[in-house]
Amino acid sequence: LQLVESGGGSEQAGGSLRLSCVASGWTGSRYCLGWFRQVPGSECEGVAAIYKGRTYYADSVTGRFPISQDGAKNTVFLQMNSLKPEDTAMYYCAATNNAVLFPLRRSQYNYWGQGTQVTVS
């Protein structure tokens, strides 16, 4: 399984960005997919996840960052709306084909993308 993120960049506070993560070498319906973010010197934070048709969100992004998949399930999106400076981070796409109990917990995932930087000013 390979994950490739795109869509990061710089945006002003209040604006929007959409992150995409294309997965290759997998059967999408068996995987839990998540978005994480990390600021240097801080813990990696689970932002959003989608698993068996259900979505999960960190409190900090609930109502602002909907996660979705395309019909073929090989691309997962993170629509980032009403951006805030505190959303600035490196964003990573993650996947696992293991059973998941805590979709926003980093330790649940065994595949990671290379990351895409989001900067909000």
PDB file of N, CA and C in Angstrom:
ATOM      1  N   LEU A   1       0.837  -1.195   0.000  1.00  0.00           N
ATOM      2  CA  LEU A   1       0.000   0.000   0.000  1.00  0.00           C
ATOM      3  C   LEU A   1       0.877   1.252   0.000  1.00  0.00           C
ATOM      4  N   GLN A   2       0.564   2.167  -0.897  1.00  0.00           N
ATOM      5  CA  GLN A   2       1.253   3.463  -0.922  1.00  0.00           C
ATOM      6  C   GLN A   2       0.234   4.581  -0.832  1.00  0.00           C
ATOM      7  N   LEU A   3       0.588   5.600  -0.081  1.00  0.00           N
ATOM      8  CA  LEU A   3      -0.284   6.758   0.103  1.00  0.00           C
ATOM      9  C   LEU A   3       0.450   8.010  -0.350  1.00  0.00           C
ATOM     10  N   VAL A   4      -0.201   8.812  -1.174  1.00  0.00           N
ATOM     11  CA  VAL A   4       0.414  10.043  -1.669  1.00  0.00           C
ATOM     12  C   VAL A   4      -0.549  11.190  -1.436  1.00  0.00           C
ATOM     13  N   GLU A   5      -0.118  12.151  -0.611  1.00  0.00           N
ATOM     14  CA  GLU A   5      -0.967  13.307  -0.301  1.00  0.00           C
ATOM     15  C   GLU A   5      -0.676  14.451  -1.267  1.00  0.00           C
ATOM     16  N   SER A   6      -1.645  15.306  -1.419  1.00  0.00           N
ATOM     17  CA  SER A   6      -1.482  16.543  -2.167  1.00  0.00           C
ATOM     18  C   SER A   6      -2.514  17.546  -1.677  1.00  0.00           C
ATOM     19  N   GLY A   7      -2.327  18.809  -2.082  1.00  0.00           N
ATOM     20  CA  GLY A   7      -3.331  19.820  -1.783  1.00  0.00           C
ATOM     21  C   GLY A   7      -2.950  20.791  -0.685  1.00  0.00           C
ATOM     22  N   GLY A   8      -1.818  20.584  -0.052  1.00  0.00           N
ATOM     23  CA  GLY A   8      -1.401  21.521   0.972  1.00  0.00           C
ATOM     24  C   GLY A   8      -0.957  22.837   0.367  1.00  0.00           C
ATOM     25  N   GLY A   9      -0.652  23.791   1.229  1.00  0.00           N
ATOM     26  CA  GLY A   9      -0.202  25.085   0.757  1.00  0.00           C
ATOM     27  C   GLY A   9      -0.434  26.144   1.811  1.00  0.00           C
ATOM     28  N   SER A  10      -0.403  27.377   1.376  1.00  0.00           N
ATOM     29  CA  SER A  10      -0.610  28.511   2.272  1.00  0.00           C
ATOM     30  C   SER A  10      -1.971  29.134   2.008  1.00  0.00           C
ATOM     31  N   GLU A  11      -2.635  29.507   3.089  1.00  0.00           N
ATOM     32  CA  GLU A  11      -3.962  30.102   2.975  1.00  0.00           C
ATOM     33  C   GLU A  11      -4.140  31.087   4.119  1.00  0.00           C
ATOM     34  N   GLN A  12      -4.992  32.051   3.903  1.00  0.00           N
ATOM     35  CA  GLN A  12      -5.310  33.007   4.956  1.00  0.00           C
ATOM     36  C   GLN A  12      -6.353  32.426   5.902  1.00  0.00           C
ATOM     37  N   ALA A  13      -6.355  32.912   7.104  1.00  0.00           N
ATOM     38  CA  ALA A  13      -7.360  32.500   8.084  1.00  0.00           C
ATOM     39  C   ALA A  13      -8.756  32.746   7.524  1.00  0.00           C
ATOM     40  N   GLY A  14      -9.627  31.762   7.717  1.00  0.00           N
ATOM     41  CA  GLY A  14     -10.978  31.840   7.186  1.00  0.00           C
ATOM     42  C   GLY A  14     -11.135  31.198   5.827  1.00  0.00           C
ATOM     43  N   GLY A  15     -10.036  30.902   5.182  1.00  0.00           N
ATOM     44  CA  GLY A  15     -10.073  30.293   3.863  1.00  0.00           C
ATOM     45  C   GLY A  15     -10.210  28.791   3.921  1.00  0.00           C
ATOM     46  N   SER A  16     -10.077  28.155   2.742  1.00  0.00           N
ATOM     47  CA  SER A  16     -10.258  26.706   2.630  1.00  0.00           C
ATOM     48  C   SER A  16      -9.134  26.079   1.808  1.00  0.00           C
ATOM     49  N   LEU A  17      -8.849  24.846   2.132  1.00  0.00           N
ATOM     50  CA  LEU A  17      -7.956  24.000   1.347  1.00  0.00           C
ATOM     51  C   LEU A  17      -8.554  22.598   1.326  1.00  0.00           C
ATOM     52  N   ARG A  18      -8.244  21.855   0.279  1.00  0.00           N
ATOM     53  CA  ARG A  18      -8.672  20.458   0.246  1.00  0.00           C
ATOM     54  C   ARG A  18      -7.465  19.569   0.045  1.00  0.00           C
ATOM     55  N   LEU A  19      -7.276  18.677   0.989  1.00  0.00           N
ATOM     56  CA  LEU A  19      -6.205  17.703   0.888  1.00  0.00           C
ATOM     57  C   LEU A  19      -6.740  16.426   0.250  1.00  0.00           C
ATOM     58  N   SER A  20      -5.896  15.809  -0.570  1.00  0.00           N
ATOM     59  CA  SER A  20      -6.241  14.536  -1.191  1.00  0.00           C
ATOM     60  C   SER A  20      -5.170  13.517  -0.863  1.00  0.00           C
ATOM     61  N   CYS A  21      -5.587  12.282  -0.763  1.00  0.00           N
ATOM     62  CA  CYS A  21      -4.652  11.183  -0.522  1.00  0.00           C
ATOM     63  C   CYS A  21      -5.046  10.036  -1.434  1.00  0.00           C
ATOM     64  N   VAL A  22      -4.170   9.720  -2.364  1.00  0.00           N
ATOM     65  CA  VAL A  22      -4.426   8.619  -3.286  1.00  0.00           C
ATOM     66  C   VAL A  22      -3.715   7.379  -2.779  1.00  0.00           C
ATOM     67  N   ALA A  23      -4.485   6.310  -2.665  1.00  0.00           N
ATOM     68  CA  ALA A  23      -3.940   5.040  -2.199  1.00  0.00           C
ATOM     69  C   ALA A  23      -3.809   4.076  -3.358  1.00  0.00           C
ATOM     70  N   SER A  24      -2.708   3.377  -3.411  1.00  0.00           N
ATOM     71  CA  SER A  24      -2.505   2.381  -4.457  1.00  0.00           C
ATOM     72  C   SER A  24      -2.073   1.073  -3.824  1.00  0.00           C
ATOM     73  N   GLY A  25      -2.478  -0.016  -4.469  1.00  0.00           N
ATOM     74  CA  GLY A  25      -2.069  -1.325  -3.978  1.00  0.00           C
ATOM     75  C   GLY A  25      -2.930  -1.843  -2.843  1.00  0.00           C
ATOM     76  N   TRP A  26      -4.240  -1.524  -2.893  1.00  0.00           N
ATOM     77  CA  TRP A  26      -5.099  -1.940  -1.797  1.00  0.00           C
ATOM     78  C   TRP A  26      -6.533  -2.184  -2.264  1.00  0.00           C
ATOM     79  N   THR A  27      -7.304  -2.770  -1.373  1.00  0.00           N
ATOM     80  CA  THR A  27      -8.747  -2.872  -1.577  1.00  0.00           C
ATOM     81  C   THR A  27      -9.406  -1.970  -0.555  1.00  0.00           C
ATOM     82  N   GLY A  28      -9.944  -0.849  -1.018  1.00  0.00           N
ATOM     83  CA  GLY A  28     -10.330   0.250  -0.146  1.00  0.00           C
ATOM     84  C   GLY A  28     -11.311  -0.078   0.956  1.00  0.00           C
ATOM     85  N   SER A  29     -12.241  -0.965   0.710  1.00  0.00           N
ATOM     86  CA  SER A  29     -13.295  -1.158   1.692  1.00  0.00           C
ATOM     87  C   SER A  29     -12.798  -1.812   2.973  1.00  0.00           C
ATOM     88  N   ARG A  30     -11.616  -2.409   2.945  1.00  0.00           N
ATOM     89  CA  ARG A  30     -11.121  -3.076   4.139  1.00  0.00           C
ATOM     90  C   ARG A  30     -10.277  -2.166   5.019  1.00  0.00           C
ATOM     91  N   TYR A  31     -10.077  -0.948   4.610  1.00  0.00           N
ATOM     92  CA  TYR A  31      -9.139  -0.092   5.308  1.00  0.00           C
ATOM     93  C   TYR A  31      -9.824   1.014   6.093  1.00  0.00           C
ATOM     94  N   CYS A  32      -9.183   1.366   7.172  1.00  0.00           N
ATOM     95  CA  CYS A  32      -9.501   2.590   7.885  1.00  0.00           C
ATOM     96  C   CYS A  32      -8.522   3.651   7.377  1.00  0.00           C
ATOM     97  N   LEU A  33      -9.030   4.811   7.047  1.00  0.00           N
ATOM     98  CA  LEU A  33      -8.204   5.897   6.536  1.00  0.00           C
ATOM     99  C   LEU A  33      -8.289   7.091   7.466  1.00  0.00           C
ATOM    100  N   GLY A  34      -7.171   7.717   7.707  1.00  0.00           N
ATOM    101  CA  GLY A  34      -7.178   8.851   8.613  1.00  0.00           C
ATOM    102  C   GLY A  34      -6.252   9.965   8.169  1.00  0.00           C
ATOM    103  N   TRP A  35      -6.506  11.120   8.713  1.00  0.00           N
ATOM    104  CA  TRP A  35      -5.630  12.286   8.543  1.00  0.00           C
ATOM    105  C   TRP A  35      -5.085  12.683   9.905  1.00  0.00           C
ATOM    106  N   PHE A  36      -3.795  12.915   9.935  1.00  0.00           N
ATOM    107  CA  PHE A  36      -3.118  13.340  11.141  1.00  0.00           C
ATOM    108  C   PHE A  36      -2.341  14.612  10.837  1.00  0.00           C
ATOM    109  N   ARG A  37      -1.979  15.334  11.890  1.00  0.00           N
ATOM    110  CA  ARG A  37      -1.162  16.513  11.684  1.00  0.00           C
ATOM    111  C   ARG A  37      -0.147  16.632  12.807  1.00  0.00           C
ATOM    112  N   GLN A  38       0.947  17.266  12.473  1.00  0.00           N
ATOM    113  CA  GLN A  38       2.000  17.424  13.458  1.00  0.00           C
ATOM    114  C   GLN A  38       2.730  18.728  13.258  1.00  0.00           C
ATOM    115  N   VAL A  39       2.947  19.406  14.364  1.00  0.00           N
ATOM    116  CA  VAL A  39       3.775  20.598  14.421  1.00  0.00           C
ATOM    117  C   VAL A  39       5.086  20.193  15.077  1.00  0.00           C
ATOM    118  N   PRO A  40       6.226  20.667  14.578  1.00  0.00           N
ATOM    119  CA  PRO A  40       7.503  20.298  15.192  1.00  0.00           C
ATOM    120  C   PRO A  40       7.499  20.529  16.692  1.00  0.00           C
ATOM    121  N   GLY A  41       7.919  19.504  17.433  1.00  0.00           N
ATOM    122  CA  GLY A  41       7.988  19.612  18.878  1.00  0.00           C
ATOM    123  C   GLY A  41       6.705  19.247  19.588  1.00  0.00           C
ATOM    124  N   SER A  42       5.659  18.908  18.823  1.00  0.00           N
ATOM    125  CA  SER A  42       4.376  18.549  19.426  1.00  0.00           C
ATOM    126  C   SER A  42       3.980  17.134  19.034  1.00  0.00           C
ATOM    127  N   GLU A  43       2.995  16.610  19.750  1.00  0.00           N
ATOM    128  CA  GLU A  43       2.486  15.280  19.449  1.00  0.00           C
ATOM    129  C   GLU A  43       1.762  15.272  18.103  1.00  0.00           C
ATOM    130  N   CYS A  44       1.781  14.115  17.462  1.00  0.00           N
ATOM    131  CA  CYS A  44       1.006  13.929  16.243  1.00  0.00           C
ATOM    132  C   CYS A  44      -0.464  13.805  16.641  1.00  0.00           C
ATOM    133  N   GLU A  45      -1.305  14.608  16.027  1.00  0.00           N
ATOM    134  CA  GLU A  45      -2.718  14.683  16.400  1.00  0.00           C
ATOM    135  C   GLU A  45      -3.590  14.034  15.340  1.00  0.00           C
ATOM    136  N   GLY A  46      -4.489  13.160  15.755  1.00  0.00           N
ATOM    137  CA  GLY A  46      -5.487  12.619  14.849  1.00  0.00           C
ATOM    138  C   GLY A  46      -6.518  13.675  14.531  1.00  0.00           C
ATOM    139  N   VAL A  47      -6.757  13.928  13.259  1.00  0.00           N
ATOM    140  CA  VAL A  47      -7.664  14.993  12.840  1.00  0.00           C
ATOM    141  C   VAL A  47      -9.015  14.432  12.426  1.00  0.00           C
ATOM    142  N   ALA A  48      -9.008  13.453  11.549  1.00  0.00           N
ATOM    143  CA  ALA A  48     -10.244  12.875  11.044  1.00  0.00           C
ATOM    144  C   ALA A  48      -9.957  11.473  10.525  1.00  0.00           C
ATOM    145  N   ALA A  49     -10.982  10.637  10.528  1.00  0.00           N
ATOM    146  CA  ALA A  49     -10.835   9.277  10.025  1.00  0.00           C
ATOM    147  C   ALA A  49     -12.161   8.812   9.459  1.00  0.00           C
ATOM    148  N   ILE A  50     -12.060   7.842   8.546  1.00  0.00           N
ATOM    149  CA  ILE A  50     -13.258   7.237   7.981  1.00  0.00           C
ATOM    150  C   ILE A  50     -13.059   5.729   7.985  1.00  0.00           C
ATOM    151  N   TYR A  51     -14.052   5.021   8.528  1.00  0.00           N
ATOM    152  CA  TYR A  51     -13.894   3.587   8.758  1.00  0.00           C
ATOM    153  C   TYR A  51     -15.275   2.950   8.728  1.00  0.00           C
ATOM    154  N   LYS A  52     -15.442   1.993   7.835  1.00  0.00           N
ATOM    155  CA  LYS A  52     -16.704   1.259   7.705  1.00  0.00           C
ATOM    156  C   LYS A  52     -17.885   2.209   7.578  1.00  0.00           C
ATOM    157  N   GLY A  53     -17.694   3.256   6.804  1.00  0.00           N
ATOM    158  CA  GLY A  53     -18.779   4.177   6.529  1.00  0.00           C
ATOM    159  C   GLY A  53     -19.027   5.226   7.593  1.00  0.00           C
ATOM    160  N   ARG A  54     -18.284   5.175   8.679  1.00  0.00           N
ATOM    161  CA  ARG A  54     -18.436   6.160   9.738  1.00  0.00           C
ATOM    162  C   ARG A  54     -17.250   7.117   9.725  1.00  0.00           C
ATOM    163  N   THR A  55     -17.502   8.339  10.163  1.00  0.00           N
ATOM    164  CA  THR A  55     -16.452   9.342  10.233  1.00  0.00           C
ATOM    165  C   THR A  55     -16.193   9.734  11.683  1.00  0.00           C
ATOM    166  N   TYR A  56     -14.962  10.144  11.933  1.00  0.00           N
ATOM    167  CA  TYR A  56     -14.515  10.483  13.278  1.00  0.00           C
ATOM    168  C   TYR A  56     -13.690  11.762  13.182  1.00  0.00           C
ATOM    169  N   TYR A  57     -13.858  12.641  14.172  1.00  0.00           N
ATOM    170  CA  TYR A  57     -13.190  13.930  14.123  1.00  0.00           C
ATOM    171  C   TYR A  57     -12.632  14.331  15.476  1.00  0.00           C
ATOM    172  N   ALA A  58     -11.500  15.020  15.430  1.00  0.00           N
ATOM    173  CA  ALA A  58     -11.006  15.680  16.625  1.00  0.00           C
ATOM    174  C   ALA A  58     -11.917  16.853  16.946  1.00  0.00           C
ATOM    175  N   ASP A  59     -12.042  17.164  18.224  1.00  0.00           N
ATOM    176  CA  ASP A  59     -12.906  18.282  18.632  1.00  0.00           C
ATOM    177  C   ASP A  59     -12.481  19.586  17.953  1.00  0.00           C
ATOM    178  N   SER A  60     -11.194  19.740  17.736  1.00  0.00           N
ATOM    179  CA  SER A  60     -10.668  20.991  17.196  1.00  0.00           C
ATOM    180  C   SER A  60     -11.086  21.243  15.748  1.00  0.00           C
ATOM    181  N   VAL A  61     -11.535  20.201  15.049  1.00  0.00           N
ATOM    182  CA  VAL A  61     -11.889  20.381  13.639  1.00  0.00           C
ATOM    183  C   VAL A  61     -13.335  19.997  13.341  1.00  0.00           C
ATOM    184  N   THR A  62     -14.070  19.514  14.308  1.00  0.00           N
ATOM    185  CA  THR A  62     -15.458  19.108  14.090  1.00  0.00           C
ATOM    186  C   THR A  62     -16.259  20.265  13.509  1.00  0.00           C
ATOM    187  N   GLY A  63     -16.945  19.972  12.413  1.00  0.00           N
ATOM    188  CA  GLY A  63     -17.747  20.990  11.758  1.00  0.00           C
ATOM    189  C   GLY A  63     -16.975  21.821  10.746  1.00  0.00           C
ATOM    190  N   ARG A  64     -15.665  21.673  10.706  1.00  0.00           N
ATOM    191  CA  ARG A  64     -14.840  22.457   9.765  1.00  0.00           C
ATOM    192  C   ARG A  64     -14.133  21.598   8.727  1.00  0.00           C
ATOM    193  N   PHE A  65     -13.743  20.380   9.071  1.00  0.00           N
ATOM    194  CA  PHE A  65     -12.896  19.540   8.217  1.00  0.00           C
ATOM    195  C   PHE A  65     -13.600  18.225   7.875  1.00  0.00           C
ATOM    196  N   PRO A  66     -14.567  18.200   7.016  1.00  0.00           N
ATOM    197  CA  PRO A  66     -15.185  16.922   6.670  1.00  0.00           C
ATOM    198  C   PRO A  66     -14.232  16.010   5.899  1.00  0.00           C
ATOM    199  N   ILE A  67     -14.270  14.732   6.229  1.00  0.00           N
ATOM    200  CA  ILE A  67     -13.474  13.728   5.534  1.00  0.00           C
ATOM    201  C   ILE A  67     -14.401  12.933   4.629  1.00  0.00           C
ATOM    202  N   SER A  68     -13.897  12.543   3.471  1.00  0.00           N
ATOM    203  CA  SER A  68     -14.730  11.786   2.543  1.00  0.00           C
ATOM    204  C   SER A  68     -13.853  10.896   1.673  1.00  0.00           C
ATOM    205  N   GLN A  69     -14.497   9.934   0.996  1.00  0.00           N
ATOM    206  CA  GLN A  69     -13.806   9.066   0.048  1.00  0.00           C
ATOM    207  C   GLN A  69     -14.503   9.164  -1.295  1.00  0.00           C
ATOM    208  N   ASP A  70     -13.750   8.863  -2.347  1.00  0.00           N
ATOM    209  CA  ASP A  70     -14.404   8.815  -3.648  1.00  0.00           C
ATOM    210  C   ASP A  70     -15.096   7.470  -3.813  1.00  0.00           C
ATOM    211  N   GLY A  71     -15.884   7.340  -4.873  1.00  0.00           N
ATOM    212  CA  GLY A  71     -16.677   6.141  -5.060  1.00  0.00           C
ATOM    213  C   GLY A  71     -15.842   4.889  -5.203  1.00  0.00           C
ATOM    214  N   ALA A  72     -14.679   5.002  -5.795  1.00  0.00           N
ATOM    215  CA  ALA A  72     -13.806   3.853  -5.961  1.00  0.00           C
ATOM    216  C   ALA A  72     -13.018   3.558  -4.697  1.00  0.00           C
ATOM    217  N   LYS A  73     -13.110   4.431  -3.722  1.00  0.00           N
ATOM    218  CA  LYS A  73     -12.496   4.297  -2.399  1.00  0.00           C
ATOM    219  C   LYS A  73     -10.979   4.316  -2.424  1.00  0.00           C
ATOM    220  N   ASN A  74     -10.372   4.761  -3.520  1.00  0.00           N
ATOM    221  CA  ASN A  74      -8.925   4.803  -3.490  1.00  0.00           C
ATOM    222  C   ASN A  74      -8.376   6.209  -3.252  1.00  0.00           C
ATOM    223  N   THR A  75      -9.276   7.172  -3.021  1.00  0.00           N
ATOM    224  CA  THR A  75      -8.846   8.527  -2.674  1.00  0.00           C
ATOM    225  C   THR A  75      -9.652   9.005  -1.481  1.00  0.00           C
ATOM    226  N   VAL A  76      -8.963   9.561  -0.514  1.00  0.00           N
ATOM    227  CA  VAL A  76      -9.633  10.145   0.648  1.00  0.00           C
ATOM    228  C   VAL A  76      -9.311  11.632   0.669  1.00  0.00           C
ATOM    229  N   PHE A  77     -10.312  12.418   1.020  1.00  0.00           N
ATOM    230  CA  PHE A  77     -10.197  13.869   1.002  1.00  0.00           C
ATOM    231  C   PHE A  77     -10.375  14.438   2.411  1.00  0.00           C
ATOM    232  N   LEU A  78      -9.714  15.546   2.644  1.00  0.00           N
ATOM    233  CA  LEU A  78      -9.963  16.329   3.846  1.00  0.00           C
ATOM    234  C   LEU A  78     -10.241  17.749   3.393  1.00  0.00           C
ATOM    235  N   GLN A  79     -11.491  18.138   3.460  1.00  0.00           N
ATOM    236  CA  GLN A  79     -11.897  19.496   3.097  1.00  0.00           C
ATOM    237  C   GLN A  79     -11.710  20.382   4.321  1.00  0.00           C
ATOM    238  N   MET A  80     -10.808  21.308   4.225  1.00  0.00           N
ATOM    239  CA  MET A  80     -10.452  22.140   5.371  1.00  0.00           C
ATOM    240  C   MET A  80     -11.071  23.523   5.185  1.00  0.00           C
ATOM    241  N   ASN A  81     -12.095  23.812   5.967  1.00  0.00           N
ATOM    242  CA  ASN A  81     -12.809  25.080   5.887  1.00  0.00           C
ATOM    243  C   ASN A  81     -12.574  25.917   7.132  1.00  0.00           C
ATOM    244  N   SER A  82     -12.846  27.201   7.023  1.00  0.00           N
ATOM    245  CA  SER A  82     -12.699  28.124   8.162  1.00  0.00           C
ATOM    246  C   SER A  82     -11.346  27.927   8.837  1.00  0.00           C
ATOM    247  N   LEU A  83     -10.318  27.946   8.041  1.00  0.00           N
ATOM    248  CA  LEU A  83      -8.983  27.672   8.554  1.00  0.00           C
ATOM    249  C   LEU A  83      -8.557  28.696   9.594  1.00  0.00           C
ATOM    250  N   LYS A  84      -7.788  28.199  10.553  1.00  0.00           N
ATOM    251  CA  LYS A  84      -7.253  29.030  11.626  1.00  0.00           C
ATOM    252  C   LYS A  84      -5.732  28.902  11.640  1.00  0.00           C
ATOM    253  N   PRO A  85      -5.045  29.903  12.143  1.00  0.00           N
ATOM    254  CA  PRO A  85      -3.576  29.788  12.228  1.00  0.00           C
ATOM    255  C   PRO A  85      -3.124  28.537  12.975  1.00  0.00           C
ATOM    256  N   GLU A  86      -3.895  28.105  13.964  1.00  0.00           N
ATOM    257  CA  GLU A  86      -3.515  26.918  14.726  1.00  0.00           C
ATOM    258  C   GLU A  86      -3.686  25.623  13.938  1.00  0.00           C
ATOM    259  N   ASP A  87      -4.241  25.696  12.734  1.00  0.00           N
ATOM    260  CA  ASP A  87      -4.315  24.529  11.862  1.00  0.00           C
ATOM    261  C   ASP A  87      -3.000  24.316  11.108  1.00  0.00           C
ATOM    262  N   THR A  88      -2.094  25.258  11.224  1.00  0.00           N
ATOM    263  CA  THR A  88      -0.800  25.125  10.560  1.00  0.00           C
ATOM    264  C   THR A  88      -0.062  23.901  11.073  1.00  0.00           C
ATOM    265  N   ALA A  89       0.322  23.018  10.151  1.00  0.00           N
ATOM    266  CA  ALA A  89       0.994  21.771  10.519  1.00  0.00           C
ATOM    267  C   ALA A  89       1.348  21.010   9.253  1.00  0.00           C
ATOM    268  N   MET A  90       2.123  19.958   9.430  1.00  0.00           N
ATOM    269  CA  MET A  90       2.302  18.969   8.380  1.00  0.00           C
ATOM    270  C   MET A  90       1.170  17.970   8.524  1.00  0.00           C
ATOM    271  N   TYR A  91       0.483  17.713   7.433  1.00  0.00           N
ATOM    272  CA  TYR A  91      -0.656  16.804   7.452  1.00  0.00           C
ATOM    273  C   TYR A  91      -0.277  15.497   6.763  1.00  0.00           C
ATOM    274  N   TYR A  92      -0.634  14.395   7.421  1.00  0.00           N
ATOM    275  CA  TYR A  92      -0.298  13.075   6.929  1.00  0.00           C
ATOM    276  C   TYR A  92      -1.570  12.248   6.733  1.00  0.00           C
ATOM    277  N   CYS A  93      -1.575  11.517   5.654  1.00  0.00           N
ATOM    278  CA  CYS A  93      -2.600  10.516   5.410  1.00  0.00           C
ATOM    279  C   CYS A  93      -2.101   9.184   5.962  1.00  0.00           C
ATOM    280  N   ALA A  94      -3.000   8.405   6.557  1.00  0.00           N
ATOM    281  CA  ALA A  94      -2.620   7.126   7.127  1.00  0.00           C
ATOM    282  C   ALA A  94      -3.694   6.094   6.835  1.00  0.00           C
ATOM    283  N   ALA A  95      -3.280   4.837   6.820  1.00  0.00           N
ATOM    284  CA  ALA A  95      -4.224   3.754   6.560  1.00  0.00           C
ATOM    285  C   ALA A  95      -3.818   2.521   7.353  1.00  0.00           C
ATOM    286  N   THR A  96      -4.811   1.695   7.623  1.00  0.00           N
ATOM    287  CA  THR A  96      -4.549   0.414   8.240  1.00  0.00           C
ATOM    288  C   THR A  96      -5.568  -0.594   7.751  1.00  0.00           C
ATOM    289  N   ASN A  97      -5.131  -1.837   7.610  1.00  0.00           N
ATOM    290  CA  ASN A  97      -6.053  -2.919   7.283  1.00  0.00           C
ATOM    291  C   ASN A  97      -6.300  -3.811   8.494  1.00  0.00           C
ATOM    292  N   ASN A  98      -5.877  -3.350   9.645  1.00  0.00           N
ATOM    293  CA  ASN A  98      -6.169  -4.048  10.898  1.00  0.00           C
ATOM    294  C   ASN A  98      -7.501  -3.561  11.461  1.00  0.00           C
ATOM    295  N   ALA A  99      -8.060  -4.317  12.360  1.00  0.00           N
ATOM    296  CA  ALA A  99      -9.247  -3.866  13.069  1.00  0.00           C
ATOM    297  C   ALA A  99      -8.884  -2.634  13.898  1.00  0.00           C
ATOM    298  N   VAL A 100      -9.763  -1.668  13.901  1.00  0.00           N
ATOM    299  CA  VAL A 100      -9.488  -0.384  14.559  1.00  0.00           C
ATOM    300  C   VAL A 100     -10.485  -0.145  15.678  1.00  0.00           C
ATOM    301  N   LEU A 101      -9.956   0.192  16.833  1.00  0.00           N
ATOM    302  CA  LEU A 101     -10.814   0.576  17.956  1.00  0.00           C
ATOM    303  C   LEU A 101     -10.837   2.098  18.156  1.00  0.00           C
ATOM    304  N   PHE A 102      -9.701   2.722  17.864  1.00  0.00           N
ATOM    305  CA  PHE A 102      -9.569   4.159  18.104  1.00  0.00           C
ATOM    306  C   PHE A 102      -9.068   4.817  16.826  1.00  0.00           C
ATOM    307  N   PRO A 103      -9.959   5.225  15.937  1.00  0.00           N
ATOM    308  CA  PRO A 103      -9.558   5.697  14.611  1.00  0.00           C
ATOM    309  C   PRO A 103      -8.700   6.951  14.605  1.00  0.00           C
ATOM    310  N   LEU A 104      -8.664   7.709  15.693  1.00  0.00           N
ATOM    311  CA  LEU A 104      -7.856   8.925  15.725  1.00  0.00           C
ATOM    312  C   LEU A 104      -6.554   8.733  16.495  1.00  0.00           C
ATOM    313  N   ARG A 105      -6.228   7.508  16.750  1.00  0.00           N
ATOM    314  CA  ARG A 105      -5.009   7.227  17.486  1.00  0.00           C
ATOM    315  C   ARG A 105      -3.920   6.772  16.512  1.00  0.00           C
ATOM    316  N   ARG A 106      -2.806   7.424  16.555  1.00  0.00           N
ATOM    317  CA  ARG A 106      -1.727   7.160  15.609  1.00  0.00           C
ATOM    318  C   ARG A 106      -1.288   5.705  15.615  1.00  0.00           C
ATOM    319  N   SER A 107      -1.265   5.087  16.769  1.00  0.00           N
ATOM    320  CA  SER A 107      -0.754   3.720  16.897  1.00  0.00           C
ATOM    321  C   SER A 107      -1.607   2.691  16.164  1.00  0.00           C
ATOM    322  N   GLN A 108      -2.809   3.064  15.734  1.00  0.00           N
ATOM    323  CA  GLN A 108      -3.687   2.144  15.044  1.00  0.00           C
ATOM    324  C   GLN A 108      -3.291   1.940  13.574  1.00  0.00           C
ATOM    325  N   TYR A 109      -2.434   2.796  13.047  1.00  0.00           N
ATOM    326  CA  TYR A 109      -2.161   2.828  11.617  1.00  0.00           C
ATOM    327  C   TYR A 109      -0.788   2.255  11.291  1.00  0.00           C
ATOM    328  N   ASN A 110      -0.721   1.573  10.154  1.00  0.00           N
ATOM    329  CA  ASN A 110       0.551   0.988   9.752  1.00  0.00           C
ATOM    330  C   ASN A 110       1.044   1.436   8.374  1.00  0.00           C
ATOM    331  N   TYR A 111       0.312   2.321   7.727  1.00  0.00           N
ATOM    332  CA  TYR A 111       0.776   2.893   6.466  1.00  0.00           C
ATOM    333  C   TYR A 111       0.633   4.404   6.534  1.00  0.00           C
ATOM    334  N   TRP A 112       1.660   5.103   6.044  1.00  0.00           N
ATOM    335  CA  TRP A 112       1.687   6.558   6.134  1.00  0.00           C
ATOM    336  C   TRP A 112       2.157   7.173   4.823  1.00  0.00           C
ATOM    337  N   GLY A 113       1.597   8.331   4.520  1.00  0.00           N
ATOM    338  CA  GLY A 113       2.079   9.108   3.387  1.00  0.00           C
ATOM    339  C   GLY A 113       3.266   9.969   3.796  1.00  0.00           C
ATOM    340  N   GLN A 114       3.755  10.736   2.842  1.00  0.00           N
ATOM    341  CA  GLN A 114       4.952  11.532   3.089  1.00  0.00           C
ATOM    342  C   GLN A 114       4.644  12.868   3.740  1.00  0.00           C
ATOM    343  N   GLY A 115       3.402  13.268   3.726  1.00  0.00           N
ATOM    344  CA  GLY A 115       2.986  14.509   4.362  1.00  0.00           C
ATOM    345  C   GLY A 115       2.876  15.665   3.394  1.00  0.00           C
ATOM    346  N   THR A 116       2.015  16.604   3.723  1.00  0.00           N
ATOM    347  CA  THR A 116       1.861  17.831   2.950  1.00  0.00           C
ATOM    348  C   THR A 116       1.681  18.985   3.934  1.00  0.00           C
ATOM    349  N   GLN A 117       2.401  20.063   3.698  1.00  0.00           N
ATOM    350  CA  GLN A 117       2.404  21.188   4.633  1.00  0.00           C
ATOM    351  C   GLN A 117       1.210  22.092   4.404  1.00  0.00           C
ATOM    352  N   VAL A 118       0.586  22.477   5.494  1.00  0.00           N
ATOM    353  CA  VAL A 118      -0.494  23.468   5.472  1.00  0.00           C
ATOM    354  C   VAL A 118      -0.077  24.622   6.374  1.00  0.00           C
ATOM    355  N   THR A 119      -0.102  25.825   5.823  1.00  0.00           N
ATOM    356  CA  THR A 119       0.256  27.017   6.577  1.00  0.00           C
ATOM    357  C   THR A 119      -0.878  28.016   6.494  1.00  0.00           C
ATOM    358  N   VAL A 120      -1.366  28.449   7.652  1.00  0.00           N
ATOM    359  CA  VAL A 120      -2.478  29.393   7.709  1.00  0.00           C
ATOM    360  C   VAL A 120      -1.997  30.656   8.412  1.00  0.00           C
ATOM    361  N   SER A 121      -2.181  31.786   7.763  1.00  0.00           N
ATOM    362  CA  SER A 121      -1.708  33.040   8.353  1.00  0.00           C
ATOM    363  C   SER A 121      -2.846  34.031   8.530  1.00  0.00           C
TER     364      SER A 121
END
